[in-house]
């Protein structure tokens, strides 16, 4: 069997990379080709993404693959974070820099939108968790602000779709990323125009939606020339990074949940149909598009953003490494204080350690003073939030979850994995850490008929990557902490 090479571009909110996947005899090997920083750009108080800089970095990744590794990939695929978008004019040009989802212009958008359409109706039409930065509320804020870019726009393209457009000239939105917008019908690759109308958004912006694994078109001649690449197709993979990650969960059977652990913690189950009810509305769960008609029934939890921002604030001290933070946390007092990770105070506070101390002060708890106490507060609170969320899923589905697969970069955090197993009382299977890139690559393989199904994709993952299992320790200290935690959420 010959080797097959696929190039994945995996973009997160803090970094991006080009990963080469080599598939041979049912096993996948990964090679990091190029890594680069990504960060919001603040201009006159507004946060944007520098999409053109990201495009240059992706072309650099392709060029390095061809010129330095001497490998011509058979295709490329792009995945990114959700909800953010670019606008395209009638002339086919991007209307300036796209807004970043942490921008404060949407701080009051949801409440204003609910004056036009009730929260219940909005949820039943979309099945999506309420977060102030969902595309629906971002666009509504732009309508309210009279943004000129919206008036001249002909099409909306989500971040990976905009980058696909820059590579190919093809304007299509992929289903899994579009489903994060709160503008689609639950479980269907179809726009819900009632939501467009309520927000005052022009219906024409939606455009065509394609399913994961669709061949979009070949990269443009100018990009072939710039990168030294031959003619290769660009695949609309499962373009939302979590959708790609979930596709690569090495799971068997039923009664398992996944936790895609990175800047965000995305915790949920793979369902054969959307779960949209008053109960899922009350608990604020989301139904996002997955591979092969599946639904990702999950909740967004603030995740590693909390500790990333603390590290950034502590960054003046050179010895503050990730391992040092874990070591300091490990040696700190257990359960001194807890936070609700999803409190709005933690969305983009500027000073995360101060925000955590303020939360503890307001909730009349002991205030964490040291770096280790703050970090331990975060890790314990995340583990307890995972327990809380799994309990909600069991309430909605009526089925017991028996194991939790942790994928993504957070699968490397042994302390948090141990805390999570102890808090939830079920085995935690950690790995693979490169889940998103793996899912991206294997969806390219499926699009090119090298693999035939989601089941085959997961077989390749099981054959290619080791996982680590954490079994829960006996003891009731986590149950006691959970009673305290429930009062905070």
Protein backbone atom coordinates (compact mmCIF):
# COMPACT_ATOMS: atom_id res chain seq x y z
CA UNK A 1 0.00 0.00 0.00
CA UNK A 2 1.44 3.39 -0.97
CA UNK A 3 1.92 6.31 1.38
CA UNK A 4 -0.70 9.06 1.36
CA UNK A 5 0.18 12.60 2.42
CA UNK A 6 -2.31 15.22 3.64
CA UNK A 7 -1.58 18.71 4.99
CA UNK A 8 -3.77 20.01 7.82
CA UNK A 9 -3.91 23.65 8.86
CA UNK A 10 -5.15 23.75 12.46
CA UNK A 11 -5.77 27.25 13.82
CA UNK A 12 -6.57 28.01 17.42
CA UNK A 13 -7.23 31.31 19.14
CA UNK A 14 -3.62 31.51 20.38
CA UNK A 15 -1.56 29.60 17.78
CA UNK A 16 -1.74 27.78 14.49
CA UNK A 17 0.25 25.10 12.73
CA UNK A 18 0.62 23.11 9.57
CA UNK A 19 0.66 19.36 10.28
CA UNK A 20 1.58 16.76 7.68
CA UNK A 21 -0.19 13.43 7.99
CA UNK A 22 1.34 10.37 6.37
CA UNK A 23 -1.08 7.44 6.17
CA UNK A 24 0.36 4.01 5.43
CA UNK A 25 -0.97 0.51 6.18
CA UNK A 26 -3.73 1.84 8.41
CA UNK A 27 -1.40 3.90 10.57
CA UNK A 28 -1.03 7.68 10.70
CA UNK A 29 2.21 9.52 11.36
CA UNK A 30 2.27 13.26 12.11
CA UNK A 31 4.98 15.78 11.29
CA UNK A 32 4.78 19.41 12.40
CA UNK A 33 5.78 21.50 9.38
CA UNK A 34 5.17 25.04 10.60
CA UNK A 35 3.94 26.70 13.80
CA UNK A 36 2.99 30.34 14.31
CA UNK A 37 1.32 32.64 16.81
CA UNK A 38 -2.21 33.89 16.50
CA UNK A 39 -3.63 36.66 18.64
CA UNK A 40 -6.35 39.24 18.58
CA UNK A 41 -5.34 42.68 17.31
CA UNK A 42 -6.76 45.64 19.24
CA UNK A 43 -7.43 48.69 17.08
CA UNK A 44 -9.13 51.77 18.61
CA UNK A 45 -10.58 49.60 21.38
CA UNK A 46 -12.00 46.91 19.08
CA UNK A 47 -10.59 43.37 18.78
CA UNK A 48 -9.96 41.85 15.32
CA UNK A 49 -8.25 38.83 13.75
CA UNK A 50 -5.52 39.47 11.19
CA UNK A 51 -6.86 37.04 8.59
CA UNK A 52 -4.41 38.12 5.90
CA UNK A 53 -1.44 37.38 8.16
CA UNK A 54 -2.91 33.95 8.92
CA UNK A 55 -3.29 33.29 5.18
CA UNK A 56 0.39 34.11 4.69
CA UNK A 57 1.32 31.67 7.47
CA UNK A 58 -0.72 28.90 5.83
CA UNK A 59 1.02 29.48 2.50
CA UNK A 60 4.36 29.34 4.34
CA UNK A 61 3.31 25.96 5.75
CA UNK A 62 2.51 24.61 2.30
CA UNK A 63 5.76 26.01 0.89
CA UNK A 64 7.82 24.39 3.69
CA UNK A 65 6.09 21.05 3.11
CA UNK A 66 6.99 21.12 -0.58
CA UNK A 67 10.47 22.70 -0.45
CA UNK A 68 11.91 21.52 2.89
CA UNK A 69 10.25 18.13 3.38
CA UNK A 70 10.15 17.47 -0.38
CA UNK A 71 6.58 16.19 -0.01
CA UNK A 72 3.71 17.18 -2.28
CA UNK A 73 0.50 16.76 -0.23
CA UNK A 74 -2.50 15.21 -1.96
CA UNK A 75 -4.79 17.84 -0.45
CA UNK A 76 -5.06 20.54 2.21
CA UNK A 77 -7.74 21.19 4.84
CA UNK A 78 -8.36 24.01 7.32
CA UNK A 79 -10.01 23.99 10.73
CA UNK A 80 -10.40 26.88 13.21
CA UNK A 81 -12.31 28.00 16.29
CA UNK A 82 -16.02 28.68 15.86
CA UNK A 83 -18.45 31.60 15.44
CA UNK A 84 -16.15 34.21 13.84
CA UNK A 85 -16.60 35.23 10.22
CA UNK A 86 -15.43 37.45 7.37
CA UNK A 87 -17.64 39.45 5.01
CA UNK A 88 -17.13 39.40 1.24
CA UNK A 89 -18.16 42.19 -1.14
CA UNK A 90 -19.79 41.83 -4.56
CA UNK A 91 -16.31 42.26 -6.07
CA UNK A 92 -15.08 39.24 -4.10
CA UNK A 93 -12.93 41.20 -1.64
CA UNK A 94 -12.91 40.78 2.12
CA UNK A 95 -14.46 43.76 3.93
CA UNK A 96 -11.58 44.57 6.27
CA UNK A 97 -10.45 42.53 9.26
CA UNK A 98 -12.93 40.12 10.91
CA UNK A 99 -14.08 40.87 14.46
CA UNK A 100 -12.72 38.63 17.23
CA UNK A 101 -15.33 36.90 19.37
CA UNK A 102 -13.94 38.31 22.62
CA UNK A 103 -14.65 41.88 21.47
CA UNK A 104 -16.92 43.71 23.90
CA UNK A 105 -19.40 45.01 21.29
CA UNK A 106 -21.66 42.02 22.01
CA UNK A 107 -21.78 42.51 25.79
CA UNK A 108 -25.50 43.45 25.71
CA UNK A 109 -26.48 41.91 22.36
CA UNK A 110 -28.32 38.85 23.65
CA UNK A 111 -30.62 40.81 25.95
CA UNK A 112 -31.39 43.29 23.14
CA UNK A 113 -32.07 40.44 20.69
CA UNK A 114 -34.48 38.76 23.12
CA UNK A 115 -36.63 41.90 22.91
CA UNK A 116 -37.25 40.89 19.27
CA UNK A 117 -37.45 37.11 19.70
CA UNK A 118 -37.80 35.22 22.97
CA UNK A 119 -34.93 33.18 24.36
CA UNK A 120 -37.06 30.03 24.17
CA UNK A 121 -38.02 30.50 20.51
CA UNK A 122 -34.42 31.36 19.57
CA UNK A 123 -33.20 28.13 21.19
CA UNK A 124 -35.92 25.90 19.74
CA UNK A 125 -35.17 27.26 16.25
CA UNK A 126 -31.40 26.75 16.55
CA UNK A 127 -30.62 24.28 19.35
CA UNK A 128 -27.48 26.27 20.19
CA UNK A 129 -26.08 27.23 23.60
CA UNK A 130 -26.43 30.92 24.43
CA UNK A 131 -23.12 32.74 24.39
CA UNK A 132 -22.89 36.45 23.75
CA UNK A 133 -20.36 36.00 20.94
CA UNK A 134 -22.39 33.56 18.80
CA UNK A 135 -22.42 34.75 15.20
CA UNK A 136 -26.11 35.62 15.44
CA UNK A 137 -25.42 38.14 18.21
CA UNK A 138 -22.24 39.43 16.57
CA UNK A 139 -24.17 40.22 13.39
CA UNK A 140 -27.04 41.68 15.39
CA UNK A 141 -24.52 44.00 17.11
CA UNK A 142 -23.23 45.06 13.69
CA UNK A 143 -26.79 45.78 12.52
CA UNK A 144 -27.44 47.83 15.66
CA UNK A 145 -24.15 49.72 15.23
CA UNK A 146 -24.82 50.41 11.54
CA UNK A 147 -21.48 48.86 10.49
CA UNK A 148 -20.80 49.89 6.90
CA UNK A 149 -19.05 46.55 6.16
CA UNK A 150 -22.35 44.77 6.68
CA UNK A 151 -24.12 47.08 4.23
CA UNK A 152 -21.63 46.38 1.43
CA UNK A 153 -21.35 42.63 2.09
CA UNK A 154 -22.62 40.08 -0.38
CA UNK A 155 -21.63 36.92 1.53
CA UNK A 156 -20.61 35.76 4.98
CA UNK A 157 -17.84 33.16 5.28
CA UNK A 158 -16.79 31.61 8.57
CA UNK A 159 -13.07 31.80 9.39
CA UNK A 160 -11.97 28.47 7.82
CA UNK A 161 -14.30 29.05 4.87
CA UNK A 162 -12.80 32.51 4.31
CA UNK A 163 -9.32 30.98 4.26
CA UNK A 164 -10.54 28.23 1.90
CA UNK A 165 -11.86 31.03 -0.34
CA UNK A 166 -8.47 32.77 -0.34
CA UNK A 167 -6.88 29.47 -1.43
CA UNK A 168 -9.45 28.42 -4.05
CA UNK A 169 -11.76 31.31 -4.98
CA UNK A 170 -14.72 29.10 -3.92
CA UNK A 171 -17.27 30.64 -1.51
CA UNK A 172 -18.91 27.85 0.52
CA UNK A 173 -19.64 27.45 4.23
CA UNK A 174 -18.95 24.06 5.81
CA UNK A 175 -21.71 22.59 7.98
CA UNK A 176 -19.89 21.96 11.29
CA UNK A 177 -18.50 25.50 11.51
CA UNK A 178 -21.75 27.09 10.30
CA UNK A 179 -23.64 25.22 13.02
CA UNK A 180 -21.76 27.18 15.72
CA UNK A 181 -23.41 30.40 14.50
CA UNK A 182 -26.87 29.86 16.07
CA UNK A 183 -28.28 30.55 12.59
CA UNK A 184 -28.93 26.99 11.36
CA UNK A 185 -31.82 24.59 11.92
CA UNK A 186 -30.89 21.94 14.53
CA UNK A 187 -29.13 18.97 12.96
CA UNK A 188 -29.57 20.26 9.40
CA UNK A 189 -27.23 22.04 6.96
CA UNK A 190 -29.94 24.66 6.40
CA UNK A 191 -30.15 28.31 7.45
CA UNK A 192 -32.99 29.30 9.78
CA UNK A 193 -34.11 32.53 8.12
CA UNK A 194 -36.49 33.44 10.95
CA UNK A 195 -33.37 34.20 12.99
CA UNK A 196 -31.89 36.29 10.15
CA UNK A 197 -35.10 38.30 9.98
CA UNK A 198 -35.35 38.85 13.74
CA UNK A 199 -31.77 40.17 13.81
CA UNK A 200 -32.21 42.32 10.70
CA UNK A 201 -29.57 40.31 8.78
CA UNK A 202 -29.86 40.15 4.98
CA UNK A 203 -30.77 36.57 3.97
CA UNK A 204 -28.34 36.64 1.02
CA UNK A 205 -25.36 36.57 3.39
CA UNK A 206 -25.86 32.88 4.19
CA UNK A 207 -24.82 31.26 0.93
CA UNK A 208 -24.27 27.57 0.22
CA UNK A 209 -23.53 25.03 2.95
CA UNK A 210 -21.47 21.89 2.23
CA UNK A 211 -20.97 18.79 4.37
CA UNK A 212 -17.66 17.75 5.99
CA UNK A 213 -15.43 15.96 3.50
CA UNK A 214 -16.49 18.00 0.45
CA UNK A 215 -13.89 18.73 -2.24
CA UNK A 216 -14.12 22.50 -2.72
CA UNK A 217 -11.76 23.05 -5.64
CA UNK A 218 -8.06 23.29 -6.45
CA UNK A 219 -5.71 25.88 -5.01
CA UNK A 220 -5.30 28.89 -7.31
CA UNK A 221 -2.44 29.09 -9.85
CA UNK A 222 -0.95 32.11 -8.04
CA UNK A 223 -0.67 30.04 -4.84
CA UNK A 224 0.86 27.11 -6.72
CA UNK A 225 3.46 29.52 -8.06
CA UNK A 226 4.11 31.15 -4.67
CA UNK A 227 4.45 27.85 -2.75
CA UNK A 228 5.95 25.57 -5.41
CA UNK A 229 2.97 23.25 -5.04
CA UNK A 230 1.32 21.26 -7.81
CA UNK A 231 -2.42 21.42 -8.45
CA UNK A 232 -4.05 20.04 -5.28
CA UNK A 233 -7.60 20.14 -3.96
CA UNK A 234 -8.73 21.97 -0.85
CA UNK A 235 -11.11 19.87 1.27
CA UNK A 236 -13.82 21.32 3.49
CA UNK A 237 -12.97 19.06 6.42
CA UNK A 238 -14.96 19.14 9.65
CA UNK A 239 -13.88 22.77 9.74
CA UNK A 240 -14.80 23.55 13.35
CA UNK A 241 -11.79 22.39 15.35
CA UNK A 242 -13.99 20.55 17.85
CA UNK A 243 -15.79 18.69 15.06
CA UNK A 244 -12.43 17.50 13.71
CA UNK A 245 -11.30 16.56 17.23
CA UNK A 246 -14.45 14.57 17.98
CA UNK A 247 -14.10 12.69 14.68
CA UNK A 248 -10.75 11.38 15.98
CA UNK A 249 -11.95 10.17 19.41
CA UNK A 250 -10.73 6.54 19.64
CA UNK A 251 -14.00 5.42 21.22
CA UNK A 252 -15.83 2.10 21.06
CA UNK A 253 -19.43 1.25 21.84
CA UNK A 254 -21.81 3.61 23.60
CA UNK A 255 -22.07 5.50 26.91
CA UNK A 256 -18.91 7.55 26.44
CA UNK A 257 -18.43 11.28 26.53
CA UNK A 258 -15.64 13.44 25.14
CA UNK A 259 -13.83 16.47 26.45
CA UNK A 260 -11.93 18.48 23.86
CA UNK A 261 -9.57 20.29 26.18
CA UNK A 262 -7.82 23.46 25.05
CA UNK A 263 -8.49 27.20 25.40
CA UNK A 264 -12.10 26.05 25.65
CA UNK A 265 -13.29 22.82 27.24
CA UNK A 266 -15.96 21.29 25.06
CA UNK A 267 -17.70 18.51 26.92
CA UNK A 268 -20.44 16.37 25.43
CA UNK A 269 -21.62 13.26 23.63
CA UNK A 270 -22.03 12.22 20.02
CA UNK A 271 -25.75 11.90 19.29
CA UNK A 272 -27.56 10.54 16.25
CA UNK A 273 -30.03 13.43 16.42
CA UNK A 274 -30.28 16.90 17.98
CA UNK A 275 -31.48 17.01 21.58
CA UNK A 276 -33.56 20.19 21.68
CA UNK A 277 -36.00 20.57 24.55
CA UNK A 278 -36.96 22.92 27.33
CA UNK A 279 -34.66 20.93 29.59
CA UNK A 280 -31.63 21.35 27.28
CA UNK A 281 -32.55 25.05 26.99
CA UNK A 282 -32.67 25.41 30.76
CA UNK A 283 -29.24 23.74 31.04
CA UNK A 284 -27.89 25.72 28.05
CA UNK A 285 -26.56 22.87 25.89
CA UNK A 286 -25.64 23.17 22.25
CA UNK A 287 -26.33 20.96 19.22
CA UNK A 288 -23.55 21.41 16.67
CA UNK A 289 -23.02 19.60 13.39
CA UNK A 290 -20.73 16.57 13.29
CA UNK A 291 -19.45 14.06 10.75
CA UNK A 292 -21.77 11.61 8.94
CA UNK A 293 -24.96 13.26 10.17
CA UNK A 294 -24.08 13.10 13.87
CA UNK A 295 -24.78 15.91 16.32
CA UNK A 296 -22.25 17.13 18.87
CA UNK A 297 -24.41 17.63 21.94
CA UNK A 298 -22.12 19.57 24.24
CA UNK A 299 -21.44 22.52 26.45
CA UNK A 300 -18.71 25.14 26.04
CA UNK A 301 -16.78 25.61 29.29
CA UNK A 302 -14.18 28.35 29.71
CA UNK A 303 -11.31 25.83 29.89
CA UNK A 304 -7.54 26.45 29.75
CA UNK A 305 -8.17 30.13 28.92
CA UNK A 306 -8.27 30.70 32.68
CA UNK A 307 -4.78 29.32 33.29
CA UNK A 308 -3.39 30.70 29.99
CA UNK A 309 -4.38 34.20 31.03
CA UNK A 310 -2.90 33.72 34.51
CA UNK A 311 0.39 32.59 32.95
CA UNK A 312 0.31 35.63 30.67
CA UNK A 313 -0.14 37.87 33.71
CA UNK A 314 2.70 36.10 35.50
CA UNK A 315 4.85 36.21 32.36
CA UNK A 316 7.43 38.68 33.71
CA UNK A 317 8.94 35.82 35.74
CA UNK A 318 11.00 33.61 33.43
CA UNK A 319 10.71 30.48 35.57
CA UNK A 320 6.90 30.36 35.31
CA UNK A 321 6.60 27.36 32.96
CA UNK A 322 3.51 25.18 32.54
CA UNK A 323 5.18 22.46 34.59
CA UNK A 324 6.05 24.94 37.36
CA UNK A 325 2.40 26.03 37.53
CA UNK A 326 1.30 22.39 37.85
CA UNK A 327 3.96 21.73 40.54
CA UNK A 328 2.91 24.81 42.53
CA UNK A 329 -0.72 23.76 42.23
CA UNK A 330 0.03 20.21 43.34
CA UNK A 331 1.69 21.42 46.54
CA UNK A 332 -1.11 23.88 47.43
CA UNK A 333 -4.00 23.33 49.85
CA UNK A 334 -6.87 21.32 48.31
CA UNK A 335 -10.29 22.97 47.96
CA UNK A 336 -9.29 26.26 49.61
CA UNK A 337 -11.63 28.08 47.21
CA UNK A 338 -13.59 27.39 44.03
CA UNK A 339 -14.89 29.40 41.07
CA UNK A 340 -17.57 28.99 38.45
CA UNK A 341 -15.30 28.82 35.35
CA UNK A 342 -18.10 30.19 33.15
CA UNK A 343 -18.80 33.33 35.14
CA UNK A 344 -18.83 36.30 32.73
CA UNK A 345 -16.11 37.96 34.84
CA UNK A 346 -13.61 35.52 33.29
CA UNK A 347 -14.45 36.08 29.60
CA UNK A 348 -11.78 38.73 28.94
CA UNK A 349 -10.85 40.46 32.23
CA UNK A 350 -7.32 41.60 31.39
CA UNK A 351 -6.11 40.53 34.85
CA UNK A 352 -7.23 36.93 35.35
CA UNK A 353 -5.57 36.30 38.75
CA UNK A 354 -7.26 39.47 40.06
CA UNK A 355 -10.62 38.39 38.59
CA UNK A 356 -10.36 35.02 40.38
CA UNK A 357 -9.49 36.71 43.67
CA UNK A 358 -12.44 39.12 43.25
CA UNK A 359 -14.82 36.20 42.57
CA UNK A 360 -13.69 34.47 45.78
CA UNK A 361 -14.04 37.72 47.69
CA UNK A 362 -17.59 38.29 46.41
CA UNK A 363 -18.61 34.70 47.18
CA UNK A 364 -17.17 34.99 50.72
CA UNK A 365 -14.51 32.34 50.32
CA UNK A 366 -10.84 32.37 51.38
CA UNK A 367 -8.91 34.39 48.78
CA UNK A 368 -6.14 32.54 46.91
CA UNK A 369 -2.92 34.51 47.34
CA UNK A 370 -0.15 32.47 45.70
CA UNK A 371 0.22 31.31 42.11
CA UNK A 372 -0.18 27.70 43.26
CA UNK A 373 -3.41 28.47 45.12
CA UNK A 374 -4.87 30.30 42.11
CA UNK A 375 -3.89 27.51 39.72
CA UNK A 376 -5.24 24.78 42.01
CA UNK A 377 -8.49 26.72 42.34
CA UNK A 378 -8.78 26.71 38.53
CA UNK A 379 -7.95 23.02 38.06
CA UNK A 380 -10.26 21.81 40.85
CA UNK A 381 -13.08 24.07 39.63
CA UNK A 382 -12.74 22.76 36.06
CA UNK A 383 -12.85 19.13 37.25
CA UNK A 384 -15.98 19.89 39.29
CA UNK A 385 -17.57 21.71 36.34
CA UNK A 386 -16.95 18.61 34.22
CA UNK A 387 -18.73 16.47 36.86
CA UNK A 388 -21.60 18.95 36.98
CA UNK A 389 -21.95 18.98 33.17
CA UNK A 390 -21.82 15.18 32.82
CA UNK A 391 -24.62 15.01 35.38
CA UNK A 392 -26.69 17.39 33.28
CA UNK A 393 -26.12 15.25 30.15
CA UNK A 394 -27.25 12.14 32.03
CA UNK A 395 -30.38 13.98 33.19
CA UNK A 396 -31.27 14.95 29.61
CA UNK A 397 -30.50 11.60 27.95
CA UNK A 398 -31.49 9.28 30.79
CA UNK A 399 -28.32 7.26 30.14
CA UNK A 400 -25.30 6.76 32.41
CA UNK A 401 -21.91 7.90 31.07
CA UNK A 402 -19.29 5.25 31.82
CA UNK A 403 -16.06 6.80 30.55
CA UNK A 404 -14.65 10.13 29.45
CA UNK A 405 -12.25 10.59 26.53
CA UNK A 406 -10.06 13.68 26.92
CA UNK A 407 -8.51 14.85 23.65
CA UNK A 408 -6.51 17.90 22.63
CA UNK A 409 -3.66 19.69 24.38
CA UNK A 410 -5.30 19.43 27.80
CA UNK A 411 -4.87 15.63 27.62
CA UNK A 412 -1.22 16.29 28.55
CA UNK A 413 -2.18 17.79 31.91
CA UNK A 414 -1.85 14.80 34.23
CA UNK A 415 -2.91 16.75 37.31
CA UNK A 416 -6.17 17.91 35.74
CA UNK A 417 -6.80 14.42 34.28
CA UNK A 418 -6.36 12.90 37.75
CA UNK A 419 -8.62 15.55 39.30
CA UNK A 420 -11.24 14.88 36.61
CA UNK A 421 -11.24 11.10 37.18
CA UNK A 422 -11.57 11.63 40.94
CA UNK A 423 -14.27 14.27 40.61
CA UNK A 424 -16.41 12.38 38.07
CA UNK A 425 -15.83 8.90 39.50
CA UNK A 426 -15.36 7.36 36.03
CA UNK A 427 -12.25 6.32 34.05
CA UNK A 428 -10.60 9.07 32.01
CA UNK A 429 -8.89 8.06 28.76
CA UNK A 430 -6.42 10.79 27.76
CA UNK A 431 -5.28 11.17 24.19
CA UNK A 432 -4.57 11.76 21.43
CA UNK A 433 -3.34 15.28 22.13
CA UNK A 434 -3.27 16.18 18.42
CA UNK A 435 -6.91 15.21 17.98
CA UNK A 436 -7.96 18.20 15.87
CA UNK A 437 -5.13 17.86 13.34
CA UNK A 438 -5.73 14.10 13.20
CA UNK A 439 -9.44 14.55 12.49
CA UNK A 440 -8.65 17.18 9.84
CA UNK A 441 -6.15 14.86 8.10
CA UNK A 442 -8.35 11.77 8.20
CA UNK A 443 -11.37 13.68 6.85
CA UNK A 444 -9.15 14.65 3.91
CA UNK A 445 -8.34 10.96 3.49
CA UNK A 446 -12.06 10.18 3.54
CA UNK A 447 -12.78 12.91 0.95
CA UNK A 448 -10.16 11.37 -1.36
CA UNK A 449 -11.61 7.85 -0.80
CA UNK A 450 -8.53 6.58 1.02
CA UNK A 451 -10.82 5.89 4.01
CA UNK A 452 -14.52 5.13 3.72
CA UNK A 453 -16.23 5.89 7.03
CA UNK A 454 -16.05 7.50 10.47
CA UNK A 455 -15.56 4.01 11.89
CA UNK A 456 -12.45 3.54 9.70
CA UNK A 457 -11.19 6.97 10.79
CA UNK A 458 -11.41 5.91 14.46
CA UNK A 459 -9.74 2.55 13.72
CA UNK A 460 -6.75 4.41 12.30
CA UNK A 461 -6.57 6.58 15.44
CA UNK A 462 -6.67 3.51 17.72
CA UNK A 463 -3.90 1.83 15.69
CA UNK A 464 -1.70 4.93 15.59
CA UNK A 465 -1.71 6.68 18.98
CA UNK A 466 -1.31 5.58 22.59
CA UNK A 467 -3.70 6.74 25.30
CA UNK A 468 -3.31 6.94 29.08
CA UNK A 469 -6.04 5.77 31.45
CA UNK A 470 -6.74 7.45 34.82
CA UNK A 471 -8.95 5.48 37.18
CA UNK A 472 -10.70 7.37 40.01
CA UNK A 473 -9.36 7.11 43.57
CA UNK A 474 -11.76 6.31 46.37
CA UNK A 475 -12.60 9.09 48.82
CA UNK A 476 -15.41 11.53 49.53
CA UNK A 477 -13.47 14.84 49.59
CA UNK A 478 -14.52 15.51 45.98
CA UNK A 479 -18.18 14.91 46.85
CA UNK A 480 -17.91 17.40 49.69
CA UNK A 481 -16.28 19.94 47.37
CA UNK A 482 -19.00 19.32 44.77
CA UNK A 483 -21.72 20.33 47.24
CA UNK A 484 -19.86 23.60 47.76
CA UNK A 485 -19.32 24.03 44.01
CA UNK A 486 -23.02 23.59 43.14
CA UNK A 487 -23.86 26.68 45.16
CA UNK A 488 -21.55 28.75 42.93
CA UNK A 489 -23.18 27.67 39.64
